[in-house]
Protein backbone atom coordinates (compact mmCIF):
# COMPACT_ATOMS: atom_id res chain seq x y z
CA MET A 1 -18.61 4.32 -14.64
CA ASN A 2 -19.58 7.18 -12.59
CA ASP A 3 -17.49 8.18 -9.73
CA LEU A 4 -19.62 6.88 -6.85
CA LEU A 5 -19.61 3.35 -8.48
CA ALA A 6 -16.01 3.51 -8.91
CA LEU A 7 -15.28 4.44 -5.35
CA ALA A 8 -17.64 1.62 -4.42
CA ILE A 9 -15.97 -0.91 -6.38
CA LYS A 10 -12.58 -0.06 -5.29
CA ALA A 11 -13.56 -0.25 -1.68
CA HIS A 12 -15.09 -3.75 -2.08
CA GLY A 13 -11.71 -5.08 -3.64
CA GLY A 14 -11.62 -3.77 -7.39
CA LEU A 15 -13.03 -5.08 -10.37
CA GLU A 16 -9.81 -6.99 -11.44
CA ARG A 17 -9.83 -9.01 -8.18
CA TRP A 18 -13.47 -9.76 -8.60
CA ASN A 19 -13.05 -10.44 -11.91
CA SER A 20 -10.41 -13.04 -11.21
CA PHE A 21 -13.17 -15.39 -9.47
CA THR A 22 -16.14 -17.13 -11.03
CA ARG A 23 -17.98 -18.72 -7.99
CA LEU A 24 -18.73 -17.87 -4.52
CA LYS A 25 -19.72 -20.32 -1.72
CA THR A 26 -20.91 -19.49 1.75
CA THR A 27 -22.91 -20.99 4.78
CA LEU A 28 -25.82 -19.00 5.66
CA SER A 29 -28.65 -19.00 7.91
CA VAL A 30 -31.91 -16.93 7.11
CA ASP A 31 -34.66 -16.11 9.39
CA GLY A 32 -37.33 -13.36 9.93
CA ALA A 33 -40.90 -12.46 9.93
CA ILE A 34 -41.47 -13.09 6.28
CA TRP A 35 -40.86 -17.01 6.58
CA HIS A 36 -43.20 -17.21 9.28
CA LEU A 37 -45.85 -15.20 7.45
CA LYS A 38 -45.30 -17.50 4.63
CA GLN A 39 -45.58 -20.63 6.71
CA GLN A 40 -41.94 -21.93 5.97
CA PRO A 41 -39.78 -21.07 9.19
CA GLY A 42 -36.65 -22.70 9.52
CA LEU A 43 -36.47 -23.89 5.80
CA LEU A 44 -33.17 -21.84 5.40
CA THR A 45 -31.21 -22.33 8.36
CA ASP A 46 -27.87 -23.38 7.90
CA LYS A 47 -27.50 -23.95 4.21
CA ILE A 48 -24.68 -23.69 1.80
CA PHE A 49 -25.45 -21.24 -0.98
CA GLU A 50 -23.42 -21.20 -4.08
CA ILE A 51 -23.37 -18.73 -6.89
CA GLN A 52 -21.73 -18.23 -10.37
CA THR A 53 -20.47 -14.80 -9.92
CA HIS A 54 -20.89 -13.47 -13.69
CA ALA A 55 -24.18 -15.61 -14.68
CA GLU A 56 -27.31 -15.77 -12.60
CA HIS A 57 -27.22 -19.33 -11.08
CA LEU A 58 -27.42 -20.34 -7.44
CA THR A 59 -27.63 -23.50 -5.59
CA ILE A 60 -28.97 -24.18 -1.80
CA THR A 61 -27.68 -27.17 -0.12
CA PRO A 62 -29.22 -29.17 1.41
CA PHE A 63 -32.81 -28.11 0.51
CA ILE A 64 -35.94 -30.13 1.86
CA ALA A 65 -33.98 -33.17 2.32
CA ALA A 66 -30.23 -33.96 3.27
CA ASN A 67 -29.78 -35.65 -0.22
CA LEU A 68 -31.43 -32.64 -2.26
CA ARG A 69 -30.43 -29.24 -3.51
CA SER A 70 -32.38 -26.47 -5.27
CA VAL A 71 -30.77 -25.17 -8.44
CA PHE A 72 -31.95 -21.68 -9.72
CA VAL A 73 -31.47 -19.85 -13.05
CA PRO A 74 -34.03 -17.02 -13.87
CA GLU A 75 -36.37 -19.22 -15.92
CA ARG A 76 -36.31 -22.36 -14.26
CA LEU A 77 -35.94 -24.09 -10.65
CA THR A 78 -35.08 -27.38 -10.12
CA LEU A 79 -34.90 -29.79 -7.10
CA GLU A 80 -32.04 -32.19 -7.62
CA THR A 81 -30.15 -35.08 -6.12
CA LEU A 82 -26.43 -34.15 -5.22
CA ASP A 83 -25.69 -36.21 -8.04
CA GLY A 84 -27.66 -34.10 -10.34
CA GLU A 85 -30.46 -35.92 -10.90
CA VAL A 86 -33.59 -33.92 -11.17
CA VAL A 87 -36.48 -34.69 -8.93
CA GLU A 88 -39.01 -31.98 -9.56
CA SER A 89 -38.79 -28.50 -11.40
CA ARG A 90 -40.89 -25.33 -11.91
CA ASP A 91 -40.44 -23.37 -15.36
CA ASP A 92 -41.05 -19.66 -15.14
CA PRO A 93 -41.15 -19.69 -11.54
CA GLU A 94 -41.93 -15.93 -11.03
CA GLU A 95 -45.32 -16.76 -12.58
CA ALA A 96 -46.19 -18.86 -9.65
CA PHE A 97 -46.39 -15.86 -7.49
CA ALA A 98 -49.28 -14.33 -9.63
CA GLY A 99 -52.49 -13.49 -7.88
CA GLN A 100 -50.72 -14.24 -4.36
CA THR A 101 -51.52 -11.51 -1.33
CA ILE A 102 -49.03 -10.85 1.27
CA GLU A 103 -50.79 -13.75 3.57
CA SER A 104 -50.44 -16.36 1.26
CA PRO A 105 -48.42 -19.37 2.12
CA TRP A 106 -45.48 -20.15 0.06
CA ASP A 107 -44.40 -23.79 -1.11
CA LYS A 108 -40.64 -24.90 -1.51
CA PHE A 109 -40.27 -23.55 -4.99
CA HIS A 110 -41.70 -19.87 -3.98
CA VAL A 111 -39.06 -20.09 -1.13
CA ALA A 112 -36.22 -21.20 -3.32
CA TYR A 113 -36.97 -18.33 -6.02
CA PHE A 114 -37.32 -15.65 -3.66
CA ALA A 115 -34.11 -16.61 -1.57
CA SER A 116 -32.23 -17.43 -5.01
CA GLU A 117 -32.86 -14.33 -6.86
CA ALA A 118 -32.52 -12.17 -3.68
CA LEU A 119 -29.12 -13.70 -2.60
CA TRP A 120 -27.54 -13.58 -6.00
CA THR A 121 -28.30 -9.87 -6.23
CA TYR A 122 -27.02 -9.24 -2.64
CA LEU A 123 -23.78 -11.47 -3.08
CA THR A 124 -22.62 -9.80 -6.27
CA SER A 125 -23.34 -6.25 -5.38
CA PRO A 126 -21.90 -3.47 -6.04
CA PHE A 127 -19.68 -5.21 -8.67
CA LEU A 128 -23.17 -6.35 -10.33
CA TYR A 129 -23.70 -3.00 -11.34
CA THR A 130 -21.00 -2.80 -13.85
CA TYR A 131 -22.48 -5.75 -15.78
CA PRO A 132 -24.10 -5.10 -19.22
CA GLY A 133 -27.15 -3.31 -19.33
CA PHE A 134 -27.04 -2.01 -16.04
CA GLU A 135 -27.70 1.99 -15.62
CA THR A 136 -26.45 3.83 -12.46
CA GLU A 137 -27.07 7.29 -11.49
CA GLU A 138 -26.06 9.24 -8.29
CA ILE A 139 -29.06 10.82 -6.47
CA GLU A 140 -29.22 13.04 -3.28
CA PRO A 141 -27.21 11.76 -0.38
CA TRP A 142 -28.99 10.47 2.63
CA HIS A 143 -28.26 11.20 6.44
CA GLU A 144 -28.35 8.26 8.78
CA ASN A 145 -26.25 6.95 11.65
CA GLY A 146 -24.50 10.28 11.97
CA GLU A 147 -23.11 9.78 8.56
CA VAL A 148 -23.84 11.24 5.03
CA TRP A 149 -24.39 8.26 2.64
CA ARG A 150 -24.04 8.79 -1.06
CA ARG A 151 -26.75 6.90 -2.93
CA LEU A 152 -26.83 5.18 -6.24
CA LYS A 153 -29.99 4.59 -8.08
CA VAL A 154 -29.51 1.34 -10.14
CA THR A 155 -31.60 0.23 -13.04
CA PHE A 156 -31.51 -3.45 -13.73
CA PRO A 157 -31.78 -4.91 -17.22
CA ASP A 158 -34.40 -7.40 -18.22
CA TYR A 159 -32.25 -10.36 -18.26
CA ILE A 160 -31.66 -10.17 -14.56
CA ALA A 161 -34.36 -11.59 -11.98
CA SER A 162 -34.18 -9.52 -8.96
CA HIS A 163 -36.76 -7.71 -6.62
CA THR A 164 -37.63 -5.03 -8.82
CA GLU A 165 -36.50 -2.94 -11.70
CA THR A 166 -34.98 0.28 -9.87
CA GLN A 167 -33.09 -0.22 -6.76
CA VAL A 168 -31.13 2.16 -4.46
CA THR A 169 -27.92 1.56 -2.80
CA HIS A 170 -26.50 3.75 -0.12
CA PHE A 171 -22.49 3.89 0.52
CA GLY A 172 -20.73 5.32 3.43
CA PRO A 173 -17.91 7.68 3.54
CA ASP A 174 -15.45 4.54 3.09
CA GLY A 175 -17.25 3.38 -0.12
CA LEU A 176 -18.80 0.29 1.54
CA MET A 177 -22.58 -0.36 1.45
CA ARG A 178 -24.61 0.65 4.38
CA ARG A 179 -28.16 0.13 3.17
CA HIS A 180 -29.92 -1.12 -0.06
CA ASP A 181 -33.49 -0.28 -0.91
CA TYR A 182 -36.26 -1.61 -3.23
CA THR A 183 -39.58 -2.88 -3.55
CA VAL A 184 -40.46 -6.44 -4.09
CA ASP A 185 -42.51 -7.06 -7.16
CA ILE A 186 -43.50 -10.82 -6.12
CA LEU A 187 -44.66 -9.52 -2.82
CA GLY A 188 -47.18 -6.74 -4.28
CA GLY A 189 -44.44 -4.03 -4.13
CA ALA A 190 -43.56 -4.71 -0.50
CA THR A 191 -40.70 -2.12 0.66
CA GLY A 192 -37.20 -3.54 1.78
CA ALA A 193 -34.47 -1.45 3.51
CA ASN A 194 -31.52 -3.98 3.66
CA TYR A 195 -28.66 -3.12 6.05
CA THR A 196 -25.26 -4.44 5.40
CA THR A 197 -23.05 -4.71 8.59
CA ASP A 198 -20.00 -6.52 9.80
CA TYR A 199 -17.67 -6.51 6.93
CA GLN A 200 -14.77 -8.73 6.49
CA GLU A 201 -12.26 -9.29 3.91
CA PHE A 202 -12.58 -12.55 2.10
CA GLN A 203 -9.50 -13.28 -0.62
CA GLY A 204 -9.09 -9.52 -1.19
CA ILE A 205 -12.94 -8.85 -1.50
CA MET A 206 -15.01 -7.01 1.32
CA MET A 207 -17.98 -8.61 2.03
CA PRO A 208 -20.76 -7.74 4.85
CA THR A 209 -21.42 -10.77 6.83
CA THR A 210 -24.70 -9.78 8.38
CA ARG A 211 -27.77 -8.24 6.80
CA ARG A 212 -31.23 -7.03 8.49
CA ILE A 213 -34.07 -6.24 6.11
CA TYR A 214 -36.83 -3.95 7.33
CA ALA A 215 -39.83 -2.04 5.71
CA TYR A 216 -39.54 1.52 5.15
CA ASP A 217 -42.41 4.30 5.23
CA GLU A 218 -43.37 6.86 2.92
CA ALA A 219 -40.19 9.09 4.23
CA MET A 220 -37.85 6.29 3.56
CA GLN A 221 -37.33 5.80 7.30
CA LYS A 222 -37.03 2.05 8.14
CA VAL A 223 -39.76 0.42 10.24
CA LEU A 224 -38.13 -1.27 13.15
CA GLU A 225 -40.86 -3.94 13.76
CA PRO A 226 -41.24 -6.61 12.55
CA LEU A 227 -37.53 -7.67 11.41
CA LEU A 228 -38.46 -9.00 8.07
CA VAL A 229 -35.47 -10.96 7.12
CA SER A 230 -32.20 -11.57 8.86
CA LEU A 231 -29.04 -13.05 7.24
CA ASP A 232 -26.05 -14.37 8.99
CA PHE A 233 -23.15 -15.27 6.53
CA SER A 234 -20.11 -17.39 7.31
CA GLY A 235 -17.09 -18.93 5.55
CA LEU A 236 -17.27 -17.16 2.27
CA THR A 237 -14.82 -18.58 -0.23
CA PHE A 238 -14.30 -17.56 -3.82
CA SER A 239 -12.90 -19.61 -6.49
């Protein structure tokens, strides 16, 4: 583990503490321009997201109806009753984005896949970067908001479904995340600058409770309008 990642892991609560948990549950509201563009506004307001912290598995409850939830693993999405009865499913859900343009409307499974692969990455970072197969490298620093942010380039292994293979996370002098940059393969390489704010401690783990995601330009500067995605978390609980 390089020294920047070690600093970040310690600042967020330490690997021993993180590894003592296997699940994370939070109430989350998701909004922003992307959901209106994809004709699915309000679908992710006040939902319960629950993840396995060491395997890529995420549920959204309720989803579509009060008695249903979505269940995500990289190769399969299911819509289930709260008792676990499968109502509908989509295998290889990433393939359903093939041929789409930025204006293409999404169905419920598009929404569930995008939200699930994104949120699993967000909720497990930066601890995720210590998992098998990840490669990390510190690159040149970034100046923003009157601070110098150290930057970690992260290469994801094939077994993880995420926005794209190579992503960059910025850390402030305190070791906490400030910004997470990526492109989104299923959105044709659209850019994302994901700002993490309002950190709070939950059972010894430091977690941001708000995220605001913008596009970025050729100079890596964020584009203020439109706000692509907003994420507001509450009640994070580890078990």
